[in-house]
Amino acid sequence: MPELPDVEGFRAVLESCAQGRVVRRVEVRDTGVLHEVSARRLREALEGRRFTRPERHGKWLLARTGGPTLLLHFGMTGQLLCCHPDDPVQAHDRVLFTLARDRQLRYRDQRKLRGLWLAEDESGVARLLGDLGPDALTVDRDDFETALSARRAGIKTVLTDQTVLAGLGNLLADEILWRARLRPTARATDLTEPDRRRVYTEMRRTLRSAVPTGRVPPRDSWLTGHRDDPDPVCPRCGTHLRRTRVGGRGTVWCPRCQ
């Protein structure tokens, strides 16, 4: 599932492919990915407008035009690609934005769990994003610790709650907690101040390392690099990792390190 580093990678695609370019044509091949907007209105709102510098908040990508804003959410299987207009259209290419003779932005999504929204103005953007917590990449330590200390749920559940902190998903939460040596079921309210600071520090380190790759990298020294092994072991201590479910999410953790 795309998490903050993936969406930051999509932001880079949007920036390099579309920033400063006029949208010449919008082709909606599957209206199932459109939310609260028709294909006709999407074309009317975007064709002839120029994409400005894109923004990201949590797992949302904002494609601004100086007027209406296109908001994209990638669900579990969404992608944003920069293609040539003559490239063969794939089965899961849902919306195509032609920008020039040699550039076409494509929203590709197999499962169609989320998709595209259109905000006519800033109040529309605020309505769509208003329930989100601060972005995990930019939140300061005091706000982070305040958010954690006020929650009674397990720490993994809190970290992946987008209303508390926007951008973290399953892989990142497991990686951060493994690095911080905390069990994913530990109550957020039971964490000490050093615990909360350690989580914040490891979150920052993990994101700084992951964002340039545009994904949560499955490195051999990371928990993420072993979670899908047939018999995974901790890359730090060699203990066999355990699998469980926390808040309905598949969770991997080390019973010795955490």
Protein backbone atom coordinates (compact mmCIF):
# COMPACT_ATOMS: atom_id res chain seq x y z
CA MET A 1 0.00 0.00 0.00
CA PRO A 2 1.42 3.43 -0.88
CA GLU A 3 2.61 5.26 2.24
CA LEU A 4 4.19 8.67 2.72
CA PRO A 5 7.47 7.87 0.86
CA ASP A 6 5.54 6.45 -2.10
CA VAL A 7 3.29 9.50 -2.31
CA GLU A 8 6.31 11.77 -2.04
CA GLY A 9 7.66 9.85 -5.02
CA PHE A 10 4.41 10.46 -6.90
CA ARG A 11 4.70 14.15 -6.01
CA ALA A 12 8.12 14.16 -7.68
CA VAL A 13 6.60 12.50 -10.77
CA LEU A 14 3.88 15.13 -10.90
CA GLU A 15 6.39 17.92 -10.44
CA SER A 16 8.80 16.73 -13.14
CA CYS A 17 6.13 15.70 -15.62
CA ALA A 18 3.45 18.35 -15.22
CA GLN A 19 4.54 21.43 -13.26
CA GLY A 20 4.19 24.53 -15.40
CA ARG A 21 2.48 22.64 -18.21
CA VAL A 22 -1.01 23.18 -19.56
CA VAL A 23 -3.49 20.33 -19.39
CA ARG A 24 -4.47 19.83 -23.01
CA ARG A 25 -6.82 16.90 -22.54
CA VAL A 26 -8.35 14.87 -19.71
CA GLU A 27 -9.49 11.37 -20.62
CA VAL A 28 -11.45 9.47 -17.97
CA ARG A 29 -11.39 5.80 -18.88
CA ASP A 30 -13.05 4.61 -15.67
CA THR A 31 -15.38 6.84 -13.65
CA GLY A 32 -15.10 4.41 -10.74
CA VAL A 33 -12.05 6.30 -9.49
CA LEU A 34 -13.82 9.69 -9.47
CA HIS A 35 -15.33 10.89 -6.19
CA GLU A 36 -17.78 13.78 -5.88
CA VAL A 37 -16.99 14.91 -9.44
CA SER A 38 -18.17 13.84 -12.88
CA ALA A 39 -15.87 13.17 -15.81
CA ARG A 40 -17.37 16.17 -17.58
CA ARG A 41 -16.73 18.53 -14.66
CA LEU A 42 -13.17 17.21 -14.28
CA ARG A 43 -12.47 18.02 -17.92
CA GLU A 44 -14.09 21.46 -17.67
CA ALA A 45 -12.12 22.31 -14.53
CA LEU A 46 -8.68 21.20 -15.70
CA GLU A 47 -8.40 21.45 -19.47
CA GLY A 48 -6.62 24.64 -20.41
CA ARG A 49 -5.24 25.16 -16.89
CA ARG A 50 -1.61 24.90 -15.89
CA PHE A 51 -0.41 22.68 -13.07
CA THR A 52 1.59 24.59 -10.45
CA ARG A 53 3.92 23.19 -7.79
CA PRO A 54 2.32 20.06 -6.29
CA GLU A 55 1.94 19.46 -2.57
CA ARG A 56 1.53 16.43 -0.35
CA HIS A 57 -0.17 15.98 3.02
CA GLY A 58 0.07 12.52 4.49
CA LYS A 59 -1.02 10.09 1.79
CA TRP A 60 -2.82 12.76 -0.26
CA LEU A 61 -1.31 14.45 -3.30
CA LEU A 62 -2.53 17.92 -4.29
CA ALA A 63 -2.20 18.98 -7.92
CA ARG A 64 -2.88 22.70 -7.85
CA THR A 65 -3.74 24.87 -10.84
CA GLY A 66 -4.21 28.32 -9.33
CA GLY A 67 -7.94 27.54 -9.42
CA PRO A 68 -9.47 24.11 -8.80
CA THR A 69 -7.22 21.58 -7.08
CA LEU A 70 -7.05 17.93 -8.09
CA LEU A 71 -6.56 15.67 -5.06
CA LEU A 72 -5.29 12.12 -5.48
CA HIS A 73 -5.28 9.26 -3.00
CA PHE A 74 -3.67 6.00 -4.03
CA GLY A 75 -5.41 3.47 -1.79
CA MET A 76 -3.62 0.13 -1.93
CA THR A 77 -2.59 -0.12 -5.59
CA GLY A 78 -2.64 3.39 -7.05
CA GLN A 79 0.27 4.86 -9.01
CA LEU A 80 1.07 8.04 -10.90
CA LEU A 81 3.21 7.70 -14.01
CA CYS A 82 4.68 10.01 -16.61
CA CYS A 83 4.27 8.43 -20.03
CA HIS A 84 4.42 9.30 -23.71
CA PRO A 85 0.94 9.75 -25.22
CA ASP A 86 1.76 7.03 -27.75
CA ASP A 87 2.63 4.46 -25.07
CA PRO A 88 0.12 1.57 -24.99
CA VAL A 89 -2.64 2.24 -22.47
CA GLN A 90 -2.65 -0.38 -19.73
CA ALA A 91 -5.77 -2.08 -18.42
CA HIS A 92 -5.58 -0.24 -15.10
CA ASP A 93 -4.89 3.24 -16.50
CA ARG A 94 -8.00 5.01 -15.19
CA VAL A 95 -7.43 8.71 -15.97
CA LEU A 96 -5.04 10.23 -18.52
CA PHE A 97 -3.87 13.86 -18.52
CA THR A 98 -2.21 14.86 -21.79
CA LEU A 99 0.15 17.78 -21.22
CA ALA A 100 2.16 18.02 -24.43
CA ARG A 101 3.03 16.01 -27.50
CA ASP A 102 5.47 13.94 -25.50
CA ARG A 103 4.00 13.95 -21.98
CA GLN A 104 1.01 12.26 -20.47
CA LEU A 105 0.30 11.82 -16.77
CA ARG A 106 -1.54 8.60 -15.93
CA TYR A 107 -3.41 7.58 -12.78
CA ARG A 108 -3.15 3.80 -12.68
CA ASP A 109 -4.96 1.72 -10.09
CA GLN A 110 -5.85 -1.95 -10.08
CA ARG A 111 -8.24 -2.17 -7.13
CA LYS A 112 -9.76 1.33 -7.25
CA LEU A 113 -10.11 1.66 -3.48
CA ARG A 114 -9.58 5.43 -3.53
CA GLY A 115 -9.01 7.75 -6.50
CA LEU A 116 -9.47 11.39 -7.51
CA TRP A 117 -11.36 14.34 -6.03
CA LEU A 118 -11.74 17.90 -7.27
CA ALA A 119 -11.79 20.85 -4.88
CA GLU A 120 -13.12 24.01 -6.49
CA ASP A 121 -11.40 26.27 -3.94
CA GLU A 122 -9.45 26.23 -0.69
CA SER A 123 -12.55 25.55 1.38
CA GLY A 124 -13.03 22.39 -0.64
CA VAL A 125 -9.44 21.33 0.04
CA ALA A 126 -9.94 22.02 3.76
CA ARG A 127 -13.13 19.96 3.79
CA LEU A 128 -11.40 16.94 2.24
CA LEU A 129 -8.28 17.12 4.40
CA GLY A 130 -9.76 18.64 7.54
CA ASP A 131 -9.81 15.42 9.56
CA LEU A 132 -6.13 14.68 8.99
CA GLY A 133 -3.53 15.10 11.67
CA PRO A 134 -0.18 16.83 11.06
CA ASP A 135 2.05 15.39 8.36
CA ALA A 136 4.48 12.80 9.71
CA LEU A 137 7.39 14.29 7.78
CA THR A 138 6.98 17.82 9.12
CA VAL A 139 5.37 17.45 12.57
CA ASP A 140 7.50 18.86 15.37
CA ARG A 141 8.42 16.80 18.39
CA ASP A 142 6.20 18.61 20.89
CA ASP A 143 3.07 18.18 18.77
CA PHE A 144 3.98 14.55 18.12
CA GLU A 145 4.44 13.78 21.82
CA THR A 146 1.21 15.57 22.72
CA ALA A 147 -0.73 13.52 20.18
CA LEU A 148 0.71 10.25 21.46
CA SER A 149 0.27 10.98 25.15
CA ALA A 150 -3.43 11.69 24.70
CA ARG A 151 -4.28 8.29 23.16
CA ARG A 152 -5.11 5.11 25.05
CA ALA A 153 -4.91 2.76 22.06
CA GLY A 154 -1.89 0.66 21.15
CA ILE A 155 1.01 2.63 19.76
CA LYS A 156 0.80 1.06 16.30
CA THR A 157 -2.90 1.85 16.08
CA VAL A 158 -2.14 5.45 17.03
CA LEU A 159 0.71 5.84 14.54
CA THR A 160 -1.44 4.58 11.66
CA ASP A 161 -4.49 6.67 12.62
CA GLN A 162 -4.53 9.37 9.95
CA THR A 163 -6.49 11.73 12.20
CA VAL A 164 -3.58 11.64 14.66
CA LEU A 165 -0.68 11.64 12.25
CA ALA A 166 -0.96 11.68 8.46
CA GLY A 167 1.23 9.52 6.24
CA LEU A 168 2.26 6.43 8.18
CA GLY A 169 0.98 3.02 7.14
CA ASN A 170 1.57 -0.58 8.06
CA LEU A 171 5.16 -0.99 6.89
CA LEU A 172 6.40 2.28 8.33
CA ALA A 173 4.74 1.75 11.69
CA ASP A 174 6.28 -1.71 12.11
CA GLU A 175 9.70 -0.43 11.02
CA ILE A 176 9.62 2.57 13.36
CA LEU A 177 8.51 0.55 16.38
CA TRP A 178 11.13 -2.13 15.73
CA ARG A 179 13.79 0.56 15.63
CA ALA A 180 12.39 2.16 18.78
CA ARG A 181 12.27 -1.26 20.52
CA LEU A 182 8.61 -0.97 21.42
CA ARG A 183 5.91 -3.60 21.06
CA PRO A 184 3.16 -2.53 18.67
CA THR A 185 0.51 -3.30 21.29
CA ALA A 186 2.03 -1.08 24.00
CA ARG A 187 -0.47 1.58 25.03
CA ALA A 188 0.45 5.04 23.84
CA THR A 189 -0.54 6.53 27.20
CA ASP A 190 1.86 4.14 28.99
CA LEU A 191 4.91 5.30 27.07
CA THR A 192 7.44 7.31 28.99
CA GLU A 193 8.76 10.61 27.71
CA PRO A 194 12.02 8.90 26.58
CA ASP A 195 9.88 6.31 24.75
CA ARG A 196 7.94 8.98 22.89
CA ARG A 197 11.11 10.86 21.98
CA ARG A 198 12.67 7.63 20.70
CA VAL A 199 9.64 6.93 18.50
CA TYR A 200 9.81 10.44 17.10
CA THR A 201 13.55 10.19 16.42
CA GLU A 202 13.21 6.82 14.70
CA MET A 203 10.26 8.04 12.66
CA ARG A 204 12.31 10.96 11.39
CA ARG A 205 15.28 8.74 10.58
CA THR A 206 13.15 6.16 8.80
CA LEU A 207 11.34 8.77 6.71
CA ARG A 208 14.54 10.62 5.80
CA SER A 209 15.99 7.35 4.52
CA ALA A 210 12.84 6.13 2.77
CA VAL A 211 11.61 9.29 1.05
CA PRO A 212 14.49 9.57 -1.48
CA THR A 213 13.73 6.03 -2.68
CA GLY A 214 10.02 6.72 -3.21
CA ARG A 215 9.04 3.66 -1.18
CA VAL A 216 9.59 1.85 2.11
CA PRO A 217 12.77 0.09 1.00
CA PRO A 218 13.12 -3.64 1.82
CA ARG A 219 16.75 -3.30 2.90
CA ASP A 220 18.47 -6.25 4.50
CA SER A 221 19.22 -4.23 7.65
CA TRP A 222 15.56 -3.20 8.00
CA LEU A 223 12.68 -5.15 9.47
CA THR A 224 10.87 -4.38 6.21
CA GLY A 225 13.47 -6.39 4.32
CA HIS A 226 12.54 -9.58 6.18
CA ARG A 227 8.83 -9.38 6.99
CA ASP A 228 7.85 -11.37 3.90
CA ASP A 229 10.49 -14.08 4.31
CA PRO A 230 9.07 -17.62 4.77
CA ASP A 231 10.66 -17.85 8.22
CA PRO A 232 11.67 -14.28 9.06
CA VAL A 233 14.31 -13.49 11.64
CA CYS A 234 15.21 -10.19 13.23
CA PRO A 235 18.08 -8.50 11.36
CA ARG A 236 19.31 -7.06 14.66
CA CYS A 237 19.36 -10.06 17.03
CA GLY A 238 18.52 -13.11 14.90
CA THR A 239 15.37 -14.01 16.86
CA HIS A 240 12.48 -15.44 14.86
CA LEU A 241 9.99 -12.69 14.17
CA ARG A 242 6.36 -13.01 15.17
CA ARG A 243 3.32 -12.22 13.09
CA THR A 244 0.05 -11.03 14.54
CA ARG A 245 -2.77 -8.61 13.76
CA VAL A 246 -3.07 -5.21 15.41
CA GLY A 247 -6.12 -3.13 14.59
CA GLY A 248 -6.88 -5.49 11.71
CA ARG A 249 -3.42 -5.02 10.19
CA GLY A 250 -0.82 -7.71 9.64
CA THR A 251 1.97 -6.89 12.08
CA VAL A 252 5.54 -8.20 12.34
CA TRP A 253 7.67 -7.69 15.43
CA CYS A 254 10.62 -9.12 17.36
CA PRO A 255 9.74 -10.65 20.75
CA ARG A 256 13.29 -10.11 22.01
CA CYS A 257 14.06 -6.59 20.74
CA GLN A 258 10.61 -5.21 21.39
